[in-house]
Amino acid sequence: MYSELWQFGAMVVFFAVAVSLWLKIVYLPGRTLERWEDQRVRMEGERTRQEPPAEERRS
């Protein structure tokens, strides 16, 4: 009886550790990188889309 409880508890702990490691190593760094790349593209796009001064647009 107790051996099954220990096995179940060990399995729950194993999955909790596996999920937390996956979050810290794979998922969260990937999300951070995606947000950083999106921000970088947005900033570069703003720099290239600047309109010329009004004097240059009239000519």
C-alpha atoms as a PDB file:
ATOM      1  CA  MET A   1       0.000   0.000   0.000  1.00  0.00           C
ATOM      2  CA  TYR A   2       2.667   2.507   1.012  1.00  0.00           C
ATOM      3  CA  SER A   3       4.943   1.591  -1.869  1.00  0.00           C
ATOM      4  CA  GLU A   4       2.242   2.650  -4.346  1.00  0.00           C
ATOM      5  CA  LEU A   5       1.837   5.965  -2.541  1.00  0.00           C
ATOM      6  CA  TRP A   6       5.585   6.566  -2.634  1.00  0.00           C
ATOM      7  CA  GLN A   7       5.667   5.716  -6.330  1.00  0.00           C
ATOM      8  CA  PHE A   8       2.774   8.062  -7.050  1.00  0.00           C
ATOM      9  CA  GLY A   9       4.377  10.835  -4.994  1.00  0.00           C
ATOM     10  CA  ALA A  10       7.697  10.344  -6.742  1.00  0.00           C
ATOM     11  CA  MET A  11       5.954  10.488 -10.107  1.00  0.00           C
ATOM     12  CA  VAL A  12       4.163  13.731  -9.181  1.00  0.00           C
ATOM     13  CA  VAL A  13       7.426  15.282  -7.959  1.00  0.00           C
ATOM     14  CA  PHE A  14       9.233  14.132 -11.129  1.00  0.00           C
ATOM     15  CA  PHE A  15       6.613  15.725 -13.391  1.00  0.00           C
ATOM     16  CA  ALA A  16       6.620  18.933 -11.344  1.00  0.00           C
ATOM     17  CA  VAL A  17      10.412  19.163 -11.630  1.00  0.00           C
ATOM     18  CA  ALA A  18      10.287  18.339 -15.349  1.00  0.00           C
ATOM     19  CA  VAL A  19       7.645  21.019 -16.003  1.00  0.00           C
ATOM     20  CA  SER A  20       9.501  23.655 -14.006  1.00  0.00           C
ATOM     21  CA  LEU A  21      12.781  22.890 -15.799  1.00  0.00           C
ATOM     22  CA  TRP A  22      11.026  22.997 -19.179  1.00  0.00           C
ATOM     23  CA  LEU A  23       9.513  26.376 -18.294  1.00  0.00           C
ATOM     24  CA  LYS A  24      12.838  27.819 -17.164  1.00  0.00           C
ATOM     25  CA  ILE A  25      15.010  26.353 -19.931  1.00  0.00           C
ATOM     26  CA  VAL A  26      12.770  26.203 -23.009  1.00  0.00           C
ATOM     27  CA  TYR A  27       9.507  28.140 -22.784  1.00  0.00           C
ATOM     28  CA  LEU A  28      10.272  31.379 -20.943  1.00  0.00           C
ATOM     29  CA  PRO A  29      13.581  32.167 -22.721  1.00  0.00           C
ATOM     30  CA  GLY A  30      11.851  31.572 -26.063  1.00  0.00           C
ATOM     31  CA  ARG A  31       9.027  33.942 -25.166  1.00  0.00           C
ATOM     32  CA  THR A  32      11.520  36.539 -23.988  1.00  0.00           C
ATOM     33  CA  LEU A  33      13.451  36.226 -27.253  1.00  0.00           C
ATOM     34  CA  GLU A  34      10.242  36.567 -29.294  1.00  0.00           C
ATOM     35  CA  ARG A  35       9.260  39.730 -27.425  1.00  0.00           C
ATOM     36  CA  TRP A  36      12.768  41.149 -27.835  1.00  0.00           C
ATOM     37  CA  GLU A  37      12.770  40.426 -31.587  1.00  0.00           C
ATOM     38  CA  ASP A  38       9.284  41.914 -32.002  1.00  0.00           C
ATOM     39  CA  GLN A  39      10.392  45.046 -30.179  1.00  0.00           C
ATOM     40  CA  ARG A  40      13.562  45.284 -32.268  1.00  0.00           C
ATOM     41  CA  VAL A  41      11.623  44.955 -35.543  1.00  0.00           C
ATOM     42  CA  ARG A  42       9.111  47.559 -34.366  1.00  0.00           C
ATOM     43  CA  MET A  43      11.895  49.999 -33.462  1.00  0.00           C
ATOM     44  CA  GLU A  44      13.710  49.464 -36.788  1.00  0.00           C
ATOM     45  CA  GLY A  45      10.418  49.933 -38.656  1.00  0.00           C
ATOM     46  CA  GLU A  46       9.802  53.230 -36.888  1.00  0.00           C
ATOM     47  CA  ARG A  47      13.269  54.413 -37.826  1.00  0.00           C
ATOM     48  CA  THR A  48      12.820  53.595 -41.524  1.00  0.00           C
ATOM     49  CA  ARG A  49       9.281  55.006 -41.745  1.00  0.00           C
ATOM     50  CA  GLN A  50      10.189  58.515 -40.683  1.00  0.00           C
ATOM     51  CA  GLU A  51       8.755  61.107 -43.011  1.00  0.00           C
ATOM     52  CA  PRO A  52      11.076  63.691 -44.511  1.00  0.00           C
ATOM     53  CA  PRO A  53      10.747  67.286 -43.326  1.00  0.00           C
ATOM     54  CA  ALA A  54       7.906  69.333 -44.836  1.00  0.00           C
ATOM     55  CA  GLU A  55      10.286  71.392 -47.000  1.00  0.00           C
ATOM     56  CA  GLU A  56      11.537  68.265 -48.788  1.00  0.00           C
ATOM     57  CA  ARG A  57       8.022  66.889 -49.355  1.00  0.00           C
ATOM     58  CA  ARG A  58       6.879  70.009 -51.235  1.00  0.00           C
ATOM     59  CA  SER A  59       9.592  69.865 -53.891  1.00  0.00           C
END
